[in-house]
Amino acid sequence: MEITEFQQLMEHTYGARDRARGVPATIAWLTEEVGELARAVRKGTHEDQMHELGDVLAWLASLAAQLGLSLGDAAARYASGCPRCGSVPCAC
């Protein structure tokens, strides 16, 4: 699945509920999920890590939608490699 399709799916699935919570609550949920991902990386299984990575991505998509931003556009910043030096791998 492409990142833009994923963002649209999350918007259709959870968008109204997430907008009702608002950006501050979305940031809180995203932060909580990043913490759960960190715990899964340290102590969890591969399955736990994939689960938490998906949750982080879903909350990031929700935040982007609420801010009127595209994850695809955000990812495009790295399309040519490092946005600072333009190299792959980064030469900074």
C-alpha atoms as a PDB file:
ATOM      1  CA  MET A   1       0.000   0.000   0.000  1.00  0.00           C
ATOM      2  CA  GLU A   2       1.270   3.448  -0.901  1.00  0.00           C
ATOM      3  CA  ILE A   3       1.594   6.039   1.883  1.00  0.00           C
ATOM      4  CA  THR A   4      -1.025   8.337   0.322  1.00  0.00           C
ATOM      5  CA  GLU A   5      -3.505   5.457   0.100  1.00  0.00           C
ATOM      6  CA  PHE A   6      -2.791   4.606   3.726  1.00  0.00           C
ATOM      7  CA  GLN A   7      -3.421   8.189   4.822  1.00  0.00           C
ATOM      8  CA  GLN A   8      -6.712   8.229   2.920  1.00  0.00           C
ATOM      9  CA  LEU A   9      -7.760   4.905   4.462  1.00  0.00           C
ATOM     10  CA  MET A  10      -7.006   6.185   7.967  1.00  0.00           C
ATOM     11  CA  GLU A  11      -8.969   9.376   7.206  1.00  0.00           C
ATOM     12  CA  HIS A  12     -12.002   7.384   6.041  1.00  0.00           C
ATOM     13  CA  THR A  13     -11.740   4.944   8.947  1.00  0.00           C
ATOM     14  CA  TYR A  14     -10.968   7.253  11.874  1.00  0.00           C
ATOM     15  CA  GLY A  15     -10.982  10.834  10.559  1.00  0.00           C
ATOM     16  CA  ALA A  16     -14.211  12.110  12.094  1.00  0.00           C
ATOM     17  CA  ARG A  17     -13.420  10.610  15.507  1.00  0.00           C
ATOM     18  CA  ASP A  18      -9.826  11.880  15.454  1.00  0.00           C
ATOM     19  CA  ARG A  19     -10.877  15.415  14.429  1.00  0.00           C
ATOM     20  CA  ALA A  20     -13.381  15.438  17.299  1.00  0.00           C
ATOM     21  CA  ARG A  21     -10.511  14.611  19.706  1.00  0.00           C
ATOM     22  CA  GLY A  22      -8.370  17.361  18.182  1.00  0.00           C
ATOM     23  CA  VAL A  23      -4.679  17.856  17.521  1.00  0.00           C
ATOM     24  CA  PRO A  24      -3.532  17.958  21.185  1.00  0.00           C
ATOM     25  CA  ALA A  25      -5.138  14.566  21.900  1.00  0.00           C
ATOM     26  CA  THR A  26      -3.738  13.156  18.659  1.00  0.00           C
ATOM     27  CA  ILE A  27      -0.241  14.268  19.680  1.00  0.00           C
ATOM     28  CA  ALA A  28      -0.769  12.568  23.051  1.00  0.00           C
ATOM     29  CA  TRP A  29      -1.892   9.314  21.407  1.00  0.00           C
ATOM     30  CA  LEU A  30       0.999   9.451  18.907  1.00  0.00           C
ATOM     31  CA  THR A  31       3.476   9.999  21.732  1.00  0.00           C
ATOM     32  CA  GLU A  32       2.024   7.093  23.693  1.00  0.00           C
ATOM     33  CA  GLU A  33       2.320   4.830  20.653  1.00  0.00           C
ATOM     34  CA  VAL A  34       5.948   5.876  20.085  1.00  0.00           C
ATOM     35  CA  GLY A  35       6.627   4.861  23.694  1.00  0.00           C
ATOM     36  CA  GLU A  36       4.963   1.485  23.081  1.00  0.00           C
ATOM     37  CA  LEU A  37       7.077   1.054  19.942  1.00  0.00           C
ATOM     38  CA  ALA A  38      10.234   1.818  21.928  1.00  0.00           C
ATOM     39  CA  ARG A  39       9.257  -0.807  24.503  1.00  0.00           C
ATOM     40  CA  ALA A  40       8.535  -3.348  21.742  1.00  0.00           C
ATOM     41  CA  VAL A  41      11.925  -2.684  20.154  1.00  0.00           C
ATOM     42  CA  ARG A  42      13.672  -3.225  23.485  1.00  0.00           C
ATOM     43  CA  LYS A  43      11.686  -6.150  24.846  1.00  0.00           C
ATOM     44  CA  GLY A  44       9.105  -7.295  22.306  1.00  0.00           C
ATOM     45  CA  THR A  45       8.860  -9.767  19.494  1.00  0.00           C
ATOM     46  CA  HIS A  46       9.005  -8.998  15.795  1.00  0.00           C
ATOM     47  CA  GLU A  47       5.193  -9.244  15.807  1.00  0.00           C
ATOM     48  CA  ASP A  48       4.963  -6.712  18.679  1.00  0.00           C
ATOM     49  CA  GLN A  49       7.271  -4.347  16.804  1.00  0.00           C
ATOM     50  CA  MET A  50       5.200  -4.554  13.601  1.00  0.00           C
ATOM     51  CA  HIS A  51       1.991  -3.957  15.577  1.00  0.00           C
ATOM     52  CA  GLU A  52       3.355  -0.849  17.295  1.00  0.00           C
ATOM     53  CA  LEU A  53       4.973   0.480  14.115  1.00  0.00           C
ATOM     54  CA  GLY A  54       1.563   0.275  12.431  1.00  0.00           C
ATOM     55  CA  ASP A  55      -0.052   2.128  15.339  1.00  0.00           C
ATOM     56  CA  VAL A  56       2.549   4.915  15.138  1.00  0.00           C
ATOM     57  CA  LEU A  57       2.001   5.210  11.394  1.00  0.00           C
ATOM     58  CA  ALA A  58      -1.789   5.367  11.852  1.00  0.00           C
ATOM     59  CA  TRP A  59      -1.569   8.164  14.431  1.00  0.00           C
ATOM     60  CA  LEU A  60       0.970  10.028  12.282  1.00  0.00           C
ATOM     61  CA  ALA A  61      -1.461   9.813   9.347  1.00  0.00           C
ATOM     62  CA  SER A  62      -4.233  11.163  11.576  1.00  0.00           C
ATOM     63  CA  LEU A  63      -2.084  14.082  12.683  1.00  0.00           C
ATOM     64  CA  ALA A  64      -1.089  14.896   9.100  1.00  0.00           C
ATOM     65  CA  ALA A  65      -4.734  14.878   8.002  1.00  0.00           C
ATOM     66  CA  GLN A  66      -5.781  17.151  10.865  1.00  0.00           C
ATOM     67  CA  LEU A  67      -3.008  19.575   9.922  1.00  0.00           C
ATOM     68  CA  GLY A  68      -4.030  19.466   6.253  1.00  0.00           C
ATOM     69  CA  LEU A  69      -0.717  17.886   5.268  1.00  0.00           C
ATOM     70  CA  SER A  70       0.158  14.937   3.052  1.00  0.00           C
ATOM     71  CA  LEU A  71       2.448  12.158   4.275  1.00  0.00           C
ATOM     72  CA  GLY A  72       3.360  11.623   0.617  1.00  0.00           C
ATOM     73  CA  ASP A  73       4.498  15.236   0.318  1.00  0.00           C
ATOM     74  CA  ALA A  74       6.395  14.947   3.596  1.00  0.00           C
ATOM     75  CA  ALA A  75       8.148  11.784   2.389  1.00  0.00           C
ATOM     76  CA  ALA A  76       9.007  13.495  -0.917  1.00  0.00           C
ATOM     77  CA  ARG A  77      11.411  15.681   1.033  1.00  0.00           C
ATOM     78  CA  TYR A  78      13.713  12.646   1.066  1.00  0.00           C
ATOM     79  CA  ALA A  79      13.126  11.548  -2.557  1.00  0.00           C
ATOM     80  CA  SER A  80      16.616  12.610  -3.650  1.00  0.00           C
ATOM     81  CA  GLY A  81      18.355  11.370  -0.520  1.00  0.00           C
ATOM     82  CA  CYS A  82      19.440  13.513   2.384  1.00  0.00           C
ATOM     83  CA  PRO A  83      17.537  16.811   2.156  1.00  0.00           C
ATOM     84  CA  ARG A  84      20.581  18.659   3.436  1.00  0.00           C
ATOM     85  CA  CYS A  85      23.403  17.312   1.239  1.00  0.00           C
ATOM     86  CA  GLY A  86      21.393  15.483  -1.443  1.00  0.00           C
ATOM     87  CA  SER A  87      23.533  12.365  -1.133  1.00  0.00           C
ATOM     88  CA  VAL A  88      22.649   8.681  -0.730  1.00  0.00           C
ATOM     89  CA  PRO A  89      24.021   7.672   1.673  1.00  0.00           C
ATOM     90  CA  CYS A  90      24.112  10.939   3.572  1.00  0.00           C
ATOM     91  CA  ALA A  91      27.505  12.675   3.410  1.00  0.00           C
ATOM     92  CA  CYS A  92      26.767  15.352   6.020  1.00  0.00           C
END
